[in-house]
Every structure is written in C-alpha cells, then in structure tokens.
C-alpha atoms as a PDB file:
ATOM      1  CA  UNK A   1     101.757 116.121 101.449  1.00  0.00           C
ATOM      2  CA  UNK A   2     104.066 114.596  98.865  1.00  0.00           C
ATOM      3  CA  UNK A   3     101.753 114.425  95.844  1.00  0.00           C
ATOM      4  CA  UNK A   4     103.568 115.122  92.593  1.00  0.00           C
ATOM      5  CA  UNK A   5     101.931 117.510  90.151  1.00  0.00           C
ATOM      6  CA  UNK A   6     101.765 116.195  86.587  1.00  0.00           C
ATOM      7  CA  UNK A   7     102.733 119.550  85.045  1.00  0.00           C
ATOM      8  CA  UNK A   8     105.224 122.098  86.276  1.00  0.00           C
ATOM      9  CA  UNK A   9     103.449 125.093  87.891  1.00  0.00           C
ATOM     10  CA  UNK A  10     104.335 127.423  85.001  1.00  0.00           C
ATOM     11  CA  UNK A  11     102.551 125.060  82.558  1.00  0.00           C
ATOM     12  CA  UNK A  12      99.373 124.553  84.604  1.00  0.00           C
ATOM     13  CA  UNK A  13      95.998 126.140  84.019  1.00  0.00           C
ATOM     14  CA  UNK A  14      93.762 127.595  86.696  1.00  0.00           C
ATOM     15  CA  UNK A  15      90.804 125.204  86.560  1.00  0.00           C
ATOM     16  CA  UNK A  16      92.195 121.677  86.935  1.00  0.00           C
ATOM     17  CA  UNK A  17      95.334 120.387  88.629  1.00  0.00           C
ATOM     18  CA  UNK A  18      96.567 116.881  87.821  1.00  0.00           C
ATOM     19  CA  UNK A  19      98.573 114.810  90.286  1.00  0.00           C
ATOM     20  CA  UNK A  20     100.472 111.586  89.636  1.00  0.00           C
ATOM     21  CA  UNK A  21      99.347 108.530  91.570  1.00  0.00           C
ATOM     22  CA  UNK A  22     101.499 107.871  94.623  1.00  0.00           C
ATOM     23  CA  UNK A  23     103.837 104.940  94.144  1.00  0.00           C
ATOM     24  CA  UNK A  24     102.940 103.464  97.550  1.00  0.00           C
ATOM     25  CA  UNK A  25     101.659  99.866  97.194  1.00  0.00           C
ATOM     26  CA  UNK A  26      98.517 100.630  99.266  1.00  0.00           C
ATOM     27  CA  UNK A  27      97.322 103.302  96.847  1.00  0.00           C
ATOM     28  CA  UNK A  28      94.471 102.494  94.499  1.00  0.00           C
ATOM     29  CA  UNK A  29      92.598 105.278  92.788  1.00  0.00           C
ATOM     30  CA  UNK A  30      89.231 103.557  93.218  1.00  0.00           C
ATOM     31  CA  UNK A  31      89.587 103.364  97.007  1.00  0.00           C
ATOM     32  CA  UNK A  32      91.034 106.875  97.253  1.00  0.00           C
ATOM     33  CA  UNK A  33      88.142 108.191  95.151  1.00  0.00           C
ATOM     34  CA  UNK A  34      85.479 106.284  97.123  1.00  0.00           C
ATOM     35  CA  UNK A  35      86.779 107.398 100.506  1.00  0.00           C
ATOM     36  CA  UNK A  36      86.933 111.066  99.474  1.00  0.00           C
ATOM     37  CA  UNK A  37      83.495 110.786  97.881  1.00  0.00           C
ATOM     38  CA  UNK A  38      82.072 109.460 101.169  1.00  0.00           C
ATOM     39  CA  UNK A  39      83.411 112.636 102.795  1.00  0.00           C
ATOM     40  CA  UNK A  40      81.710 114.836 100.201  1.00  0.00           C
ATOM     41  CA  UNK A  41      84.650 115.445  97.856  1.00  0.00           C
ATOM     42  CA  UNK A  42      84.738 114.374  94.228  1.00  0.00           C
ATOM     43  CA  UNK A  43      88.022 114.064  92.369  1.00  0.00           C
ATOM     44  CA  UNK A  44      88.441 112.935  88.778  1.00  0.00           C
ATOM     45  CA  UNK A  45      90.504 110.241  87.087  1.00  0.00           C
ATOM     46  CA  UNK A  46      93.314 111.549  84.921  1.00  0.00           C
ATOM     47  CA  UNK A  47      92.903 112.114  81.205  1.00  0.00           C
ATOM     48  CA  UNK A  48      96.593 111.676  80.465  1.00  0.00           C
ATOM     49  CA  UNK A  49      97.444 108.639  78.369  1.00  0.00           C
ATOM     50  CA  UNK A  50     101.074 108.312  79.419  1.00  0.00           C
ATOM     51  CA  UNK A  51     100.717 108.650  83.204  1.00  0.00           C
ATOM     52  CA  UNK A  52      98.503 107.419  86.009  1.00  0.00           C
ATOM     53  CA  UNK A  53      97.086 110.557  87.567  1.00  0.00           C
ATOM     54  CA  UNK A  54      93.999 112.118  89.112  1.00  0.00           C
ATOM     55  CA  UNK A  55      92.632 115.626  88.829  1.00  0.00           C
ATOM     56  CA  UNK A  56      91.244 118.128  91.289  1.00  0.00           C
ATOM     57  CA  UNK A  57      89.015 120.889  89.967  1.00  0.00           C
ATOM     58  CA  UNK A  58      89.499 124.430  91.203  1.00  0.00           C
ATOM     59  CA  UNK A  59      86.099 125.498  89.925  1.00  0.00           C
ATOM     60  CA  UNK A  60      83.403 127.671  91.420  1.00  0.00           C
ATOM     61  CA  UNK A  61      83.169 129.809  94.481  1.00  0.00           C
ATOM     62  CA  UNK A  62      85.986 128.286  96.516  1.00  0.00           C
ATOM     63  CA  UNK A  63      87.357 129.810  99.685  1.00  0.00           C
ATOM     64  CA  UNK A  64      90.464 129.120 101.775  1.00  0.00           C
ATOM     65  CA  UNK A  65      88.372 127.097 104.245  1.00  0.00           C
ATOM     66  CA  UNK A  66      87.150 124.870 101.398  1.00  0.00           C
ATOM     67  CA  UNK A  67      90.715 124.126 100.330  1.00  0.00           C
ATOM     68  CA  UNK A  68      91.754 123.485 103.938  1.00  0.00           C
ATOM     69  CA  UNK A  69      88.848 121.075 104.415  1.00  0.00           C
ATOM     70  CA  UNK A  70      89.762 119.184 101.232  1.00  0.00           C
ATOM     71  CA  UNK A  71      93.391 118.922 102.316  1.00  0.00           C
ATOM     72  CA  UNK A  72      92.316 117.576 105.728  1.00  0.00           C
ATOM     73  CA  UNK A  73      90.100 114.998 103.991  1.00  0.00           C
ATOM     74  CA  UNK A  74      92.985 113.915 101.745  1.00  0.00           C
ATOM     75  CA  UNK A  75      95.375 113.665 104.731  1.00  0.00           C
ATOM     76  CA  UNK A  76      92.844 111.569 106.643  1.00  0.00           C
ATOM     77  CA  UNK A  77      92.205 109.354 103.621  1.00  0.00           C
ATOM     78  CA  UNK A  78      95.850 108.562 102.914  1.00  0.00           C
ATOM     79  CA  UNK A  79      96.443 107.972 106.629  1.00  0.00           C
ATOM     80  CA  UNK A  80      93.474 105.565 106.812  1.00  0.00           C
ATOM     81  CA  UNK A  81      94.723 103.779 103.690  1.00  0.00           C
ATOM     82  CA  UNK A  82      98.137 103.321 105.344  1.00  0.00           C
ATOM     83  CA  UNK A  83      99.893 105.428 102.759  1.00  0.00           C
ATOM     84  CA  UNK A  84     102.945 107.540 103.443  1.00  0.00           C
ATOM     85  CA  UNK A  85     103.763 109.714 100.467  1.00  0.00           C
ATOM     86  CA  UNK A  86     107.322 110.848  99.974  1.00  0.00           C
ATOM     87  CA  UNK A  87     107.954 113.746  97.575  1.00  0.00           C
ATOM     88  CA  UNK A  88     109.665 112.496  94.412  1.00  0.00           C
ATOM     89  CA  UNK A  89     111.150 115.889  93.499  1.00  0.00           C
ATOM     90  CA  UNK A  90     110.762 119.625  93.955  1.00  0.00           C
ATOM     91  CA  UNK A  91     107.401 119.626  92.071  1.00  0.00           C
ATOM     92  CA  UNK A  92     105.625 117.697  94.800  1.00  0.00           C
ATOM     93  CA  UNK A  93     102.767 119.321  96.710  1.00  0.00           C
END
C-alpha cells in the first residue's frame, strides 16, 4: 500500500512493526487512529524519537483472515481520508 517500514526487515522483531507516517498532507495520525479504532482496530503511536511513525502489533492468535481484514480497513481508511500513498523506496509495504 506504500507505507514505509521504519526498520529494514532484517532488523525487525516479530511482535511490533513500525511504519513511518505518510507524507501526504491529508494524513494525521489522530484521524487515522480514530477511524481504524471505530472499525475495531487499535494501532499505536510510534516510540521513536527521531521519526514520526506508528506501530502495529503482531500479537496473539492472529490468522491470515485477521491480517486481510486489517489491511482492508487500512485501505478503506486512507481512501476515505483522501490519501494516496506512494512508496518512497524498496522498503515500503
């Protein structure tokens, strides 16, 4: 979808994945968070001091359908916010 991971895949852990904020002018974390929360998904603000990012937890009994549903919710949210995300480099997801 064009989201850029904060860390390269070989440096990531298995529990949390951090993504940089999109650079699109319509993106605000608070709105993105609220819209996903209304759909039953909770994401987390980043804990990185030198970058604006958010985190998605990969915790618990998660199945392929759960991931697919989250991705659909994110696609719908960015579409409704009028955001088109362009990958910045090869590390974008």
